[in-house]
C-alpha atoms as a PDB file:
ATOM      1  CA  UNK A   1     226.279 362.594 127.741  1.00  0.00           C
ATOM      2  CA  UNK A   2     223.991 364.189 130.498  1.00  0.00           C
ATOM      3  CA  UNK A   3     226.092 365.044 133.593  1.00  0.00           C
ATOM      4  CA  UNK A   4     223.641 364.910 136.362  1.00  0.00           C
ATOM      5  CA  UNK A   5     226.425 367.590 137.938  1.00  0.00           C
ATOM      6  CA  UNK A   6     225.268 370.695 136.031  1.00  0.00           C
ATOM      7  CA  UNK A   7     221.690 370.552 136.905  1.00  0.00           C
ATOM      8  CA  UNK A   8     221.024 371.485 140.200  1.00  0.00           C
ATOM      9  CA  UNK A   9     218.236 370.548 142.891  1.00  0.00           C
ATOM     10  CA  UNK A  10     215.597 371.554 139.969  1.00  0.00           C
ATOM     11  CA  UNK A  11     214.929 369.166 137.690  1.00  0.00           C
ATOM     12  CA  UNK A  12     212.044 369.867 134.470  1.00  0.00           C
ATOM     13  CA  UNK A  13     209.736 367.289 133.362  1.00  0.00           C
ATOM     14  CA  UNK A  14     207.378 367.554 130.415  1.00  0.00           C
ATOM     15  CA  UNK A  15     204.532 365.518 130.405  1.00  0.00           C
ATOM     16  CA  UNK A  16     202.319 366.300 127.028  1.00  0.00           C
ATOM     17  CA  UNK A  17     198.398 365.401 126.657  1.00  0.00           C
ATOM     18  CA  UNK A  18     198.432 364.565 122.255  1.00  0.00           C
ATOM     19  CA  UNK A  19     195.882 365.558 119.923  1.00  0.00           C
ATOM     20  CA  UNK A  20     195.876 366.094 115.883  1.00  0.00           C
ATOM     21  CA  UNK A  21     194.382 369.969 116.810  1.00  0.00           C
ATOM     22  CA  UNK A  22     194.860 370.426 120.616  1.00  0.00           C
ATOM     23  CA  UNK A  23     197.663 369.683 122.711  1.00  0.00           C
ATOM     24  CA  UNK A  24     198.349 369.772 126.183  1.00  0.00           C
ATOM     25  CA  UNK A  25     201.523 370.074 127.956  1.00  0.00           C
ATOM     26  CA  UNK A  26     202.292 370.491 132.004  1.00  0.00           C
ATOM     27  CA  UNK A  27     205.788 370.737 132.746  1.00  0.00           C
ATOM     28  CA  UNK A  28     207.070 370.165 135.654  1.00  0.00           C
ATOM     29  CA  UNK A  29     209.470 371.547 138.003  1.00  0.00           C
ATOM     30  CA  UNK A  30     210.616 368.655 140.775  1.00  0.00           C
ATOM     31  CA  UNK A  31     213.069 368.647 143.511  1.00  0.00           C
ATOM     32  CA  UNK A  32     216.019 366.531 142.835  1.00  0.00           C
ATOM     33  CA  UNK A  33     216.548 365.475 146.266  1.00  0.00           C
ATOM     34  CA  UNK A  34     213.413 365.846 147.746  1.00  0.00           C
ATOM     35  CA  UNK A  35     211.344 364.811 144.753  1.00  0.00           C
ATOM     36  CA  UNK A  36     208.844 367.957 145.751  1.00  0.00           C
ATOM     37  CA  UNK A  37     206.768 369.456 143.240  1.00  0.00           C
ATOM     38  CA  UNK A  38     207.801 373.190 143.230  1.00  0.00           C
ATOM     39  CA  UNK A  39     205.646 374.091 140.340  1.00  0.00           C
ATOM     40  CA  UNK A  40     203.611 372.738 137.366  1.00  0.00           C
ATOM     41  CA  UNK A  41     203.075 375.129 134.540  1.00  0.00           C
ATOM     42  CA  UNK A  42     200.140 374.142 131.865  1.00  0.00           C
ATOM     43  CA  UNK A  43     199.178 375.306 128.503  1.00  0.00           C
ATOM     44  CA  UNK A  44     197.323 374.275 125.446  1.00  0.00           C
ATOM     45  CA  UNK A  45     198.341 374.134 121.900  1.00  0.00           C
ATOM     46  CA  UNK A  46     196.329 374.851 119.345  1.00  0.00           C
ATOM     47  CA  UNK A  47     197.616 374.229 115.214  1.00  0.00           C
ATOM     48  CA  UNK A  48     193.824 375.381 114.048  1.00  0.00           C
ATOM     49  CA  UNK A  49     195.547 378.811 115.803  1.00  0.00           C
ATOM     50  CA  UNK A  50     197.927 378.532 113.575  1.00  0.00           C
ATOM     51  CA  UNK A  51     196.968 377.261 110.353  1.00  0.00           C
ATOM     52  CA  UNK A  52     193.415 380.106 110.671  1.00  0.00           C
ATOM     53  CA  UNK A  53     195.529 383.056 108.345  1.00  0.00           C
ATOM     54  CA  UNK A  54     195.709 380.719 105.841  1.00  0.00           C
ATOM     55  CA  UNK A  55     192.899 379.972 103.642  1.00  0.00           C
ATOM     56  CA  UNK A  56     191.708 376.165 105.463  1.00  0.00           C
ATOM     57  CA  UNK A  57     188.052 374.773 104.003  1.00  0.00           C
ATOM     58  CA  UNK A  58     187.852 373.467 107.304  1.00  0.00           C
ATOM     59  CA  UNK A  59     189.511 376.173 109.264  1.00  0.00           C
ATOM     60  CA  UNK A  60     191.648 374.007 110.721  1.00  0.00           C
ATOM     61  CA  UNK A  61     194.163 372.745 107.796  1.00  0.00           C
ATOM     62  CA  UNK A  62     195.277 369.680 106.833  1.00  0.00           C
ATOM     63  CA  UNK A  63     196.820 366.571 109.516  1.00  0.00           C
ATOM     64  CA  UNK A  64     200.226 367.173 108.298  1.00  0.00           C
ATOM     65  CA  UNK A  65     200.297 370.606 108.159  1.00  0.00           C
ATOM     66  CA  UNK A  66     198.678 370.365 112.149  1.00  0.00           C
ATOM     67  CA  UNK A  67     201.422 367.866 112.550  1.00  0.00           C
ATOM     68  CA  UNK A  68     204.282 370.176 111.411  1.00  0.00           C
ATOM     69  CA  UNK A  69     203.325 373.009 114.021  1.00  0.00           C
ATOM     70  CA  UNK A  70     202.674 370.305 116.913  1.00  0.00           C
ATOM     71  CA  UNK A  71     206.350 369.070 115.421  1.00  0.00           C
ATOM     72  CA  UNK A  72     207.358 372.607 115.764  1.00  0.00           C
ATOM     73  CA  UNK A  73     206.275 373.888 118.582  1.00  0.00           C
ATOM     74  CA  UNK A  74     207.272 370.646 120.735  1.00  0.00           C
ATOM     75  CA  UNK A  75     210.867 371.566 119.684  1.00  0.00           C
ATOM     76  CA  UNK A  76     210.663 375.363 120.339  1.00  0.00           C
ATOM     77  CA  UNK A  77     209.248 373.941 124.420  1.00  0.00           C
ATOM     78  CA  UNK A  78     212.201 371.523 123.918  1.00  0.00           C
ATOM     79  CA  UNK A  79     214.415 374.221 123.236  1.00  0.00           C
ATOM     80  CA  UNK A  80     212.764 376.826 126.245  1.00  0.00           C
ATOM     81  CA  UNK A  81     212.533 374.417 128.927  1.00  0.00           C
ATOM     82  CA  UNK A  82     214.706 371.879 128.483  1.00  0.00           C
ATOM     83  CA  UNK A  83     212.995 368.837 130.499  1.00  0.00           C
ATOM     84  CA  UNK A  84     214.831 365.652 131.875  1.00  0.00           C
ATOM     85  CA  UNK A  85     212.403 364.134 130.498  1.00  0.00           C
ATOM     86  CA  UNK A  86     209.062 363.439 128.081  1.00  0.00           C
ATOM     87  CA  UNK A  87     206.004 362.222 128.934  1.00  0.00           C
ATOM     88  CA  UNK A  88     203.317 361.284 126.503  1.00  0.00           C
ATOM     89  CA  UNK A  89     199.899 359.337 126.880  1.00  0.00           C
ATOM     90  CA  UNK A  90     199.863 357.027 123.636  1.00  0.00           C
ATOM     91  CA  UNK A  91     196.917 356.794 121.388  1.00  0.00           C
ATOM     92  CA  UNK A  92     193.879 355.015 122.696  1.00  0.00           C
ATOM     93  CA  UNK A  93     191.501 352.944 120.330  1.00  0.00           C
ATOM     94  CA  UNK A  94     187.698 353.585 120.365  1.00  0.00           C
ATOM     95  CA  UNK A  95     185.606 351.082 118.449  1.00  0.00           C
ATOM     96  CA  UNK A  96     183.377 354.294 118.342  1.00  0.00           C
ATOM     97  CA  UNK A  97     185.983 356.124 116.274  1.00  0.00           C
ATOM     98  CA  UNK A  98     188.557 353.608 115.079  1.00  0.00           C
ATOM     99  CA  UNK A  99     190.301 356.575 112.977  1.00  0.00           C
ATOM    100  CA  UNK A 100     191.592 358.767 115.415  1.00  0.00           C
ATOM    101  CA  UNK A 101     193.495 355.990 116.537  1.00  0.00           C
ATOM    102  CA  UNK A 102     195.979 356.102 113.495  1.00  0.00           C
ATOM    103  CA  UNK A 103     195.993 360.410 113.124  1.00  0.00           C
ATOM    104  CA  UNK A 104     197.086 359.850 117.494  1.00  0.00           C
ATOM    105  CA  UNK A 105     199.422 357.368 116.065  1.00  0.00           C
ATOM    106  CA  UNK A 106     200.757 360.482 113.931  1.00  0.00           C
ATOM    107  CA  UNK A 107     200.452 362.430 116.378  1.00  0.00           C
ATOM    108  CA  UNK A 108     202.199 360.654 118.665  1.00  0.00           C
ATOM    109  CA  UNK A 109     204.974 359.987 115.987  1.00  0.00           C
ATOM    110  CA  UNK A 110     205.344 363.794 115.185  1.00  0.00           C
ATOM    111  CA  UNK A 111     206.254 364.396 118.618  1.00  0.00           C
ATOM    112  CA  UNK A 112     208.615 361.681 119.183  1.00  0.00           C
ATOM    113  CA  UNK A 113     210.245 362.928 116.146  1.00  0.00           C
ATOM    114  CA  UNK A 114     211.371 366.299 118.014  1.00  0.00           C
ATOM    115  CA  UNK A 115     211.955 365.117 121.192  1.00  0.00           C
ATOM    116  CA  UNK A 116     214.768 362.690 119.041  1.00  0.00           C
ATOM    117  CA  UNK A 117     216.389 365.881 116.942  1.00  0.00           C
ATOM    118  CA  UNK A 118     215.821 367.712 120.521  1.00  0.00           C
ATOM    119  CA  UNK A 119     217.855 365.425 122.158  1.00  0.00           C
ATOM    120  CA  UNK A 120     219.863 363.806 118.944  1.00  0.00           C
ATOM    121  CA  UNK A 121     218.337 359.920 120.248  1.00  0.00           C
ATOM    122  CA  UNK A 122     219.969 360.067 123.580  1.00  0.00           C
ATOM    123  CA  UNK A 123     216.628 360.531 125.356  1.00  0.00           C
ATOM    124  CA  UNK A 124     213.683 358.442 124.849  1.00  0.00           C
ATOM    125  CA  UNK A 125     209.602 359.820 124.984  1.00  0.00           C
ATOM    126  CA  UNK A 126     208.312 357.940 127.943  1.00  0.00           C
ATOM    127  CA  UNK A 127     204.920 356.260 125.906  1.00  0.00           C
ATOM    128  CA  UNK A 128     201.961 356.329 129.070  1.00  0.00           C
ATOM    129  CA  UNK A 129     199.294 354.312 128.407  1.00  0.00           C
ATOM    130  CA  UNK A 130     195.836 356.544 129.080  1.00  0.00           C
ATOM    131  CA  UNK A 131     194.529 353.493 131.656  1.00  0.00           C
ATOM    132  CA  UNK A 132     197.507 353.690 133.475  1.00  0.00           C
ATOM    133  CA  UNK A 133     198.182 357.351 133.557  1.00  0.00           C
ATOM    134  CA  UNK A 134     194.256 357.487 134.764  1.00  0.00           C
ATOM    135  CA  UNK A 135     194.917 354.811 137.711  1.00  0.00           C
ATOM    136  CA  UNK A 136     198.530 356.568 139.026  1.00  0.00           C
ATOM    137  CA  UNK A 137     195.886 359.612 139.310  1.00  0.00           C
ATOM    138  CA  UNK A 138     193.480 358.175 141.302  1.00  0.00           C
ATOM    139  CA  UNK A 139     191.100 358.486 138.610  1.00  0.00           C
ATOM    140  CA  UNK A 140     187.853 356.950 139.360  1.00  0.00           C
ATOM    141  CA  UNK A 141     185.139 355.952 136.038  1.00  0.00           C
ATOM    142  CA  UNK A 142     184.937 357.241 132.853  1.00  0.00           C
ATOM    143  CA  UNK A 143     185.052 360.611 131.252  1.00  0.00           C
ATOM    144  CA  UNK A 144     186.541 364.253 131.281  1.00  0.00           C
ATOM    145  CA  UNK A 145     185.259 365.190 134.637  1.00  0.00           C
ATOM    146  CA  UNK A 146     186.386 362.275 136.947  1.00  0.00           C
ATOM    147  CA  UNK A 147     190.233 362.397 136.025  1.00  0.00           C
ATOM    148  CA  UNK A 148     189.115 366.869 137.176  1.00  0.00           C
ATOM    149  CA  UNK A 149     187.769 365.547 139.903  1.00  0.00           C
ATOM    150  CA  UNK A 150     190.891 363.479 140.645  1.00  0.00           C
ATOM    151  CA  UNK A 151     193.324 366.099 140.201  1.00  0.00           C
ATOM    152  CA  UNK A 152     191.431 368.339 143.063  1.00  0.00           C
ATOM    153  CA  UNK A 153     191.940 365.549 145.205  1.00  0.00           C
ATOM    154  CA  UNK A 154     196.228 366.013 144.307  1.00  0.00           C
ATOM    155  CA  UNK A 155     196.541 368.895 146.500  1.00  0.00           C
ATOM    156  CA  UNK A 156     200.501 368.815 146.406  1.00  0.00           C
ATOM    157  CA  UNK A 157     199.655 368.998 142.848  1.00  0.00           C
ATOM    158  CA  UNK A 158     197.117 371.596 142.457  1.00  0.00           C
ATOM    159  CA  UNK A 159     198.375 375.018 144.985  1.00  0.00           C
ATOM    160  CA  UNK A 160     202.002 374.205 142.267  1.00  0.00           C
ATOM    161  CA  UNK A 161     199.685 374.858 138.858  1.00  0.00           C
ATOM    162  CA  UNK A 162     199.817 378.406 137.559  1.00  0.00           C
ATOM    163  CA  UNK A 163     196.199 378.849 137.278  1.00  0.00           C
ATOM    164  CA  UNK A 164     192.586 377.462 138.782  1.00  0.00           C
ATOM    165  CA  UNK A 165     191.977 373.920 138.134  1.00  0.00           C
ATOM    166  CA  UNK A 166     188.380 374.492 136.836  1.00  0.00           C
ATOM    167  CA  UNK A 167     190.749 376.915 134.791  1.00  0.00           C
ATOM    168  CA  UNK A 168     192.144 374.284 133.291  1.00  0.00           C
ATOM    169  CA  UNK A 169     191.713 373.168 129.710  1.00  0.00           C
ATOM    170  CA  UNK A 170     190.577 368.449 129.210  1.00  0.00           C
ATOM    171  CA  UNK A 171     194.030 368.546 127.534  1.00  0.00           C
ATOM    172  CA  UNK A 172     195.922 370.205 129.935  1.00  0.00           C
ATOM    173  CA  UNK A 173     193.894 367.946 132.359  1.00  0.00           C
ATOM    174  CA  UNK A 174     194.760 364.869 131.086  1.00  0.00           C
ATOM    175  CA  UNK A 175     199.376 366.130 130.630  1.00  0.00           C
ATOM    176  CA  UNK A 176     198.473 366.507 134.444  1.00  0.00           C
ATOM    177  CA  UNK A 177     197.601 362.509 135.070  1.00  0.00           C
ATOM    178  CA  UNK A 178     199.628 361.701 132.085  1.00  0.00           C
ATOM    179  CA  UNK A 179     203.519 363.912 134.183  1.00  0.00           C
END
């Protein structure tokens, strides 16, 4: 059972923008008593970078190998940072890329598996649909740059980032929006 008395005032929350090759992460540190954002660390994980030394016809490795790398990275991230909760964006079905949905479902299931194993099935993976994440974050319009523009309007988040907003990849920006 999780003991809140041992937690202290700082809680960590992990938000994830899933991808079959590149995944964005945002680790939030928040004051439990005030709700104030203390820090937001962002990074990306690229499974292709891990697999690149091995010979792969496409330079990225096959999907199962990338998923295995992602599962290992999520598990290592959970071990390293021990977040109280983990949130992940759900797959989005785009008519222009119908095959991408199936792959993203596999990515989400891989992340869910790592969370379930790490927490021994005692904590859920919170799923946030893309439109809710963007609406809650104040995104108006479509496209990747509108998410970054919305981030810039959240001064309380921007000043706590470990990087300048324009240094963040689109995956990091989306991971922040999911959080």
